[in-house]
Amino acid sequence: MNKSFLRGLMAGLIAALTITMFGFSGGAAAQGSPTPDPNAACGRTLANFVRLLTVFHNFKPQAKPTAPDYCTNLEKEANTFTEAYLLDTIVVLTEIEGQSKGAFAFVDYAARKFVGVMPTGTVFRAVARNALPGSQMMLVKAKDFMVFVDYTFTTLTRDDFNELPDYREYDQPIQPFCGASWCRPPTLPPSRP
């Protein structure tokens, strides 16, 4: 799938979420259904959010509507489900896949701790960048590494680089390491030929 399709999909999901959460009014009881919506007692926003998760994502809450802490339990379940199944998907959609063109790899954004040359063709996911003026460093990861590289030595474009969030705003743990076969202990960076 290409990035514009994924961005369109994300925009559609966000629009559906917004319309669903704020466009519906009341529950089934408000529409004259003989079976009242037990979630309506938990407030309009939570009831609509649960309805969205149920209809579009097959969410099946375990909380019992007769329990005195039903709304609290329902909210916890909905949040846990969202974090486990939906937010991870959003994080992946914001990452950009690329390949190395002989990029020098570092375990620090200042490019002082060199850990090897990422072989040409090595596939990675770019997740964040150093947004300081003049920096071209971005954080990339794969199964056996999380390192900083200069985006100009990868297949990513300047537009791709600019779309990445600043690494200080990246909401996943940043723990650079290099465990691939091309990695070596950190040293001062060599000069480019």
C-alpha atoms as a PDB file:
ATOM      1  CA  MET A   1       0.000   0.000   0.000  1.00  0.00           C
ATOM      2  CA  ASN A   2       1.292   3.472  -0.748  1.00  0.00           C
ATOM      3  CA  LYS A   3       1.524   6.313   1.751  1.00  0.00           C
ATOM      4  CA  SER A   4      -1.245   8.433   0.218  1.00  0.00           C
ATOM      5  CA  PHE A   5      -3.664   5.512   0.509  1.00  0.00           C
ATOM      6  CA  LEU A   6      -2.682   4.985   4.148  1.00  0.00           C
ATOM      7  CA  ARG A   7      -3.052   8.704   4.900  1.00  0.00           C
ATOM      8  CA  GLY A   8      -6.503   8.651   3.275  1.00  0.00           C
ATOM      9  CA  LEU A   9      -7.434   5.612   5.319  1.00  0.00           C
ATOM     10  CA  MET A  10      -6.287   7.330   8.516  1.00  0.00           C
ATOM     11  CA  ALA A  11      -8.242  10.481   7.635  1.00  0.00           C
ATOM     12  CA  GLY A  12     -11.330   8.363   6.998  1.00  0.00           C
ATOM     13  CA  LEU A  13     -10.964   6.556  10.309  1.00  0.00           C
ATOM     14  CA  ILE A  14     -10.543   9.807  12.195  1.00  0.00           C
ATOM     15  CA  ALA A  15     -13.562  11.305  10.433  1.00  0.00           C
ATOM     16  CA  ALA A  16     -15.637   8.218  11.232  1.00  0.00           C
ATOM     17  CA  LEU A  17     -14.570   8.395  14.854  1.00  0.00           C
ATOM     18  CA  THR A  18     -15.473  12.070  15.097  1.00  0.00           C
ATOM     19  CA  ILE A  19     -18.853  11.651  13.405  1.00  0.00           C
ATOM     20  CA  THR A  20     -19.654   8.576  15.456  1.00  0.00           C
ATOM     21  CA  MET A  21     -18.662  10.080  18.796  1.00  0.00           C
ATOM     22  CA  PHE A  22     -20.296  13.451  18.334  1.00  0.00           C
ATOM     23  CA  GLY A  23     -22.883  12.847  15.628  1.00  0.00           C
ATOM     24  CA  PHE A  24     -24.991  10.192  17.296  1.00  0.00           C
ATOM     25  CA  SER A  25     -27.362  11.343  19.988  1.00  0.00           C
ATOM     26  CA  GLY A  26     -28.367   9.056  22.796  1.00  0.00           C
ATOM     27  CA  GLY A  27     -28.610   5.295  22.745  1.00  0.00           C
ATOM     28  CA  ALA A  28     -31.129   2.787  21.569  1.00  0.00           C
ATOM     29  CA  ALA A  29     -33.605   3.881  24.241  1.00  0.00           C
ATOM     30  CA  ALA A  30     -33.728   7.384  22.787  1.00  0.00           C
ATOM     31  CA  GLN A  31     -34.731   5.889  19.449  1.00  0.00           C
ATOM     32  CA  GLY A  32     -37.670   4.006  20.920  1.00  0.00           C
ATOM     33  CA  SER A  33     -36.057   0.566  20.962  1.00  0.00           C
ATOM     34  CA  PRO A  34     -37.599  -1.833  23.504  1.00  0.00           C
ATOM     35  CA  THR A  35     -34.059  -2.746  24.713  1.00  0.00           C
ATOM     36  CA  PRO A  36     -32.336   0.251  26.297  1.00  0.00           C
ATOM     37  CA  ASP A  37     -28.618   0.714  25.657  1.00  0.00           C
ATOM     38  CA  PRO A  38     -26.860  -0.009  28.989  1.00  0.00           C
ATOM     39  CA  ASN A  39     -23.964   2.180  27.844  1.00  0.00           C
ATOM     40  CA  ALA A  40     -26.191   5.285  27.691  1.00  0.00           C
ATOM     41  CA  ALA A  41     -25.926   5.570  31.479  1.00  0.00           C
ATOM     42  CA  CYS A  42     -22.139   5.975  31.076  1.00  0.00           C
ATOM     43  CA  GLY A  43     -22.447   9.229  29.167  1.00  0.00           C
ATOM     44  CA  ARG A  44     -22.838  10.031  25.514  1.00  0.00           C
ATOM     45  CA  THR A  45     -19.118  10.065  24.617  1.00  0.00           C
ATOM     46  CA  LEU A  46     -18.292   6.681  26.159  1.00  0.00           C
ATOM     47  CA  ALA A  47     -21.500   5.111  24.801  1.00  0.00           C
ATOM     48  CA  ASN A  48     -20.737   6.343  21.273  1.00  0.00           C
ATOM     49  CA  PHE A  49     -17.095   5.306  21.512  1.00  0.00           C
ATOM     50  CA  VAL A  50     -18.090   1.787  22.608  1.00  0.00           C
ATOM     51  CA  ARG A  51     -20.640   1.656  19.764  1.00  0.00           C
ATOM     52  CA  LEU A  52     -17.895   2.634  17.293  1.00  0.00           C
ATOM     53  CA  LEU A  53     -15.539  -0.041  18.615  1.00  0.00           C
ATOM     54  CA  THR A  54     -18.318  -2.643  18.569  1.00  0.00           C
ATOM     55  CA  VAL A  55     -19.541  -1.909  15.029  1.00  0.00           C
ATOM     56  CA  PHE A  56     -16.221  -1.254  13.285  1.00  0.00           C
ATOM     57  CA  HIS A  57     -13.727  -3.289  15.327  1.00  0.00           C
ATOM     58  CA  ASN A  58     -15.724  -6.216  16.811  1.00  0.00           C
ATOM     59  CA  PHE A  59     -15.177  -5.034  20.395  1.00  0.00           C
ATOM     60  CA  LYS A  60     -16.985  -7.257  22.914  1.00  0.00           C
ATOM     61  CA  PRO A  61     -16.886  -5.783  26.421  1.00  0.00           C
ATOM     62  CA  GLN A  62     -16.831  -8.178  29.361  1.00  0.00           C
ATOM     63  CA  ALA A  63     -18.109  -5.656  31.928  1.00  0.00           C
ATOM     64  CA  LYS A  64     -21.520  -6.517  33.382  1.00  0.00           C
ATOM     65  CA  PRO A  65     -24.171  -3.762  33.008  1.00  0.00           C
ATOM     66  CA  THR A  66     -25.610  -4.702  36.422  1.00  0.00           C
ATOM     67  CA  ALA A  67     -22.305  -4.111  38.258  1.00  0.00           C
ATOM     68  CA  PRO A  68     -22.123  -0.896  40.324  1.00  0.00           C
ATOM     69  CA  ASP A  69     -18.800   0.044  38.672  1.00  0.00           C
ATOM     70  CA  TYR A  70     -19.971  -0.840  35.136  1.00  0.00           C
ATOM     71  CA  CYS A  71     -19.057   2.482  33.506  1.00  0.00           C
ATOM     72  CA  THR A  72     -15.561   2.517  35.041  1.00  0.00           C
ATOM     73  CA  ASN A  73     -14.920  -1.057  33.898  1.00  0.00           C
ATOM     74  CA  LEU A  74     -16.335  -0.374  30.433  1.00  0.00           C
ATOM     75  CA  GLU A  75     -14.091   2.672  30.030  1.00  0.00           C
ATOM     76  CA  LYS A  76     -11.018   0.655  31.083  1.00  0.00           C
ATOM     77  CA  GLU A  77     -11.870  -2.129  28.626  1.00  0.00           C
ATOM     78  CA  ALA A  78     -12.460   0.304  25.754  1.00  0.00           C
ATOM     79  CA  ASN A  79      -9.166   2.094  26.453  1.00  0.00           C
ATOM     80  CA  THR A  80      -7.213  -1.168  26.725  1.00  0.00           C
ATOM     81  CA  PHE A  81      -8.741  -2.440  23.472  1.00  0.00           C
ATOM     82  CA  THR A  82      -7.947   0.843  21.694  1.00  0.00           C
ATOM     83  CA  GLU A  83      -4.343   0.895  22.912  1.00  0.00           C
ATOM     84  CA  ALA A  84      -3.738  -2.760  22.071  1.00  0.00           C
ATOM     85  CA  TYR A  85      -5.405  -2.973  18.665  1.00  0.00           C
ATOM     86  CA  LEU A  86      -5.868   0.490  17.183  1.00  0.00           C
ATOM     87  CA  LEU A  87      -3.084   2.786  18.418  1.00  0.00           C
ATOM     88  CA  ASP A  88      -0.374   0.295  17.458  1.00  0.00           C
ATOM     89  CA  THR A  89      -1.796   0.359  13.932  1.00  0.00           C
ATOM     90  CA  ILE A  90      -1.686   4.163  13.871  1.00  0.00           C
ATOM     91  CA  VAL A  91       1.966   4.133  14.982  1.00  0.00           C
ATOM     92  CA  VAL A  92       2.856   1.747  12.159  1.00  0.00           C
ATOM     93  CA  LEU A  93       1.024   3.953   9.641  1.00  0.00           C
ATOM     94  CA  THR A  94       3.095   6.967  10.681  1.00  0.00           C
ATOM     95  CA  GLU A  95       6.364   5.079  10.186  1.00  0.00           C
ATOM     96  CA  ILE A  96       8.003   5.225   6.763  1.00  0.00           C
ATOM     97  CA  GLU A  97       9.724   2.213   5.245  1.00  0.00           C
ATOM     98  CA  GLY A  98      13.042   2.798   3.538  1.00  0.00           C
ATOM     99  CA  GLN A  99      16.331   1.219   2.553  1.00  0.00           C
ATOM    100  CA  SER A 100      19.922   2.105   3.245  1.00  0.00           C
ATOM    101  CA  LYS A 101      22.302   3.416   0.615  1.00  0.00           C
ATOM    102  CA  GLY A 102      25.371   2.699   2.722  1.00  0.00           C
ATOM    103  CA  ALA A 103      24.240   4.898   5.630  1.00  0.00           C
ATOM    104  CA  PHE A 104      26.543   5.404   8.611  1.00  0.00           C
ATOM    105  CA  ALA A 105      24.703   4.290  11.755  1.00  0.00           C
ATOM    106  CA  PHE A 106      24.956   5.977  15.152  1.00  0.00           C
ATOM    107  CA  VAL A 107      23.469   5.326  18.580  1.00  0.00           C
ATOM    108  CA  ASP A 108      23.155   9.073  19.258  1.00  0.00           C
ATOM    109  CA  TYR A 109      21.412  11.851  17.307  1.00  0.00           C
ATOM    110  CA  ALA A 110      24.583  14.002  17.359  1.00  0.00           C
ATOM    111  CA  ALA A 111      26.363  11.355  15.220  1.00  0.00           C
ATOM    112  CA  ARG A 112      29.316  10.934  17.582  1.00  0.00           C
ATOM    113  CA  LYS A 113      28.931   7.215  18.426  1.00  0.00           C
ATOM    114  CA  PHE A 114      29.412   5.371  15.128  1.00  0.00           C
ATOM    115  CA  VAL A 115      28.329   1.701  15.149  1.00  0.00           C
ATOM    116  CA  GLY A 116      28.818   0.675  11.527  1.00  0.00           C
ATOM    117  CA  VAL A 117      27.762   1.122   7.929  1.00  0.00           C
ATOM    118  CA  MET A 118      24.265  -0.126   7.222  1.00  0.00           C
ATOM    119  CA  PRO A 119      24.646  -2.191   4.025  1.00  0.00           C
ATOM    120  CA  THR A 120      22.931  -0.924   0.898  1.00  0.00           C
ATOM    121  CA  GLY A 121      19.460  -2.442   0.611  1.00  0.00           C
ATOM    122  CA  THR A 122      18.962  -2.942   4.364  1.00  0.00           C
ATOM    123  CA  VAL A 123      15.254  -2.358   5.045  1.00  0.00           C
ATOM    124  CA  PHE A 124      14.179  -0.243   8.031  1.00  0.00           C
ATOM    125  CA  ARG A 125      11.244   1.787   9.322  1.00  0.00           C
ATOM    126  CA  ALA A 126      11.949   5.484   9.895  1.00  0.00           C
ATOM    127  CA  VAL A 127      10.125   6.573  13.045  1.00  0.00           C
ATOM    128  CA  ALA A 128      11.399  10.037  14.032  1.00  0.00           C
ATOM    129  CA  ARG A 129      13.884  12.750  13.121  1.00  0.00           C
ATOM    130  CA  ASN A 130      16.083  15.335  14.718  1.00  0.00           C
ATOM    131  CA  ALA A 131      14.120  18.501  13.934  1.00  0.00           C
ATOM    132  CA  LEU A 132      16.914  20.910  14.841  1.00  0.00           C
ATOM    133  CA  PRO A 133      17.727  23.247  11.913  1.00  0.00           C
ATOM    134  CA  GLY A 134      20.283  21.742   9.558  1.00  0.00           C
ATOM    135  CA  SER A 135      20.034  18.205  10.941  1.00  0.00           C
ATOM    136  CA  GLN A 136      19.483  15.325   8.538  1.00  0.00           C
ATOM    137  CA  MET A 137      19.500  12.626  11.217  1.00  0.00           C
ATOM    138  CA  MET A 138      16.545  10.309  11.680  1.00  0.00           C
ATOM    139  CA  LEU A 139      15.808   7.381  13.963  1.00  0.00           C
ATOM    140  CA  VAL A 140      15.279   4.094  12.135  1.00  0.00           C
ATOM    141  CA  LYS A 141      14.540   0.626  13.428  1.00  0.00           C
ATOM    142  CA  ALA A 142      14.314  -3.005  12.436  1.00  0.00           C
ATOM    143  CA  LYS A 143      14.299  -6.248  14.391  1.00  0.00           C
ATOM    144  CA  ASP A 144      18.014  -6.092  15.213  1.00  0.00           C
ATOM    145  CA  PHE A 145      18.737  -2.369  15.450  1.00  0.00           C
ATOM    146  CA  MET A 146      17.446   1.087  16.389  1.00  0.00           C
ATOM    147  CA  VAL A 147      19.932   3.701  15.196  1.00  0.00           C
ATOM    148  CA  PHE A 148      20.242   7.229  13.862  1.00  0.00           C
ATOM    149  CA  VAL A 149      21.220   7.697  10.197  1.00  0.00           C
ATOM    150  CA  ASP A 150      21.503  10.575   7.745  1.00  0.00           C
ATOM    151  CA  TYR A 151      18.359  10.359   5.590  1.00  0.00           C
ATOM    152  CA  THR A 152      20.320  11.437   2.473  1.00  0.00           C
ATOM    153  CA  PHE A 153      22.044   8.038   2.545  1.00  0.00           C
ATOM    154  CA  THR A 154      18.683   6.238   2.349  1.00  0.00           C
ATOM    155  CA  THR A 155      15.823   5.962  -0.123  1.00  0.00           C
ATOM    156  CA  LEU A 156      13.735   8.521   1.821  1.00  0.00           C
ATOM    157  CA  THR A 157      13.066  11.918   0.278  1.00  0.00           C
ATOM    158  CA  ARG A 158      13.232  15.290   2.019  1.00  0.00           C
ATOM    159  CA  ASP A 159       9.412  15.280   2.167  1.00  0.00           C
ATOM    160  CA  ASP A 160       9.461  11.845   3.840  1.00  0.00           C
ATOM    161  CA  PHE A 161      12.013  13.127   6.350  1.00  0.00           C
ATOM    162  CA  ASN A 162       9.958  16.245   7.114  1.00  0.00           C
ATOM    163  CA  GLU A 163       6.831  14.132   7.774  1.00  0.00           C
ATOM    164  CA  LEU A 164       8.507  12.289  10.640  1.00  0.00           C
ATOM    165  CA  PRO A 165       7.846  13.568  14.172  1.00  0.00           C
ATOM    166  CA  ASP A 166      10.705  15.055  16.150  1.00  0.00           C
ATOM    167  CA  TYR A 167      12.345  12.289  18.175  1.00  0.00           C
ATOM    168  CA  ARG A 168      11.676  14.306  21.359  1.00  0.00           C
ATOM    169  CA  GLU A 169       7.943  14.006  20.617  1.00  0.00           C
ATOM    170  CA  TYR A 170       8.070  10.334  19.597  1.00  0.00           C
ATOM    171  CA  ASP A 171       5.801   8.488  22.038  1.00  0.00           C
ATOM    172  CA  GLN A 172       7.541   5.103  21.935  1.00  0.00           C
ATOM    173  CA  PRO A 173      10.677   4.180  23.922  1.00  0.00           C
ATOM    174  CA  ILE A 174      13.907   5.315  22.256  1.00  0.00           C
ATOM    175  CA  GLN A 175      16.658   2.890  23.188  1.00  0.00           C
ATOM    176  CA  PRO A 176      19.225   2.894  20.371  1.00  0.00           C
ATOM    177  CA  PHE A 177      21.128  -0.361  19.926  1.00  0.00           C
ATOM    178  CA  CYS A 178      22.860  -2.200  17.138  1.00  0.00           C
ATOM    179  CA  GLY A 179      22.725  -5.986  17.075  1.00  0.00           C
ATOM    180  CA  ALA A 180      22.898  -6.691  13.337  1.00  0.00           C
ATOM    181  CA  SER A 181      25.826  -8.524  11.746  1.00  0.00           C
ATOM    182  CA  TRP A 182      27.203  -5.221  10.378  1.00  0.00           C
ATOM    183  CA  CYS A 183      27.256  -3.537  13.815  1.00  0.00           C
ATOM    184  CA  ARG A 184      30.397  -2.881  15.843  1.00  0.00           C
ATOM    185  CA  PRO A 185      31.207  -1.271  19.200  1.00  0.00           C
ATOM    186  CA  PRO A 186      30.700   2.520  19.236  1.00  0.00           C
ATOM    187  CA  THR A 187      33.656   4.581  17.995  1.00  0.00           C
ATOM    188  CA  LEU A 188      34.274   8.046  16.612  1.00  0.00           C
ATOM    189  CA  PRO A 189      32.820   8.338  13.113  1.00  0.00           C
ATOM    190  CA  PRO A 190      35.161   7.762  10.167  1.00  0.00           C
ATOM    191  CA  SER A 191      35.414  10.257   7.317  1.00  0.00           C
ATOM    192  CA  ARG A 192      33.315   9.624   4.258  1.00  0.00           C
ATOM    193  CA  PRO A 193      35.413   8.684   1.190  1.00  0.00           C
END
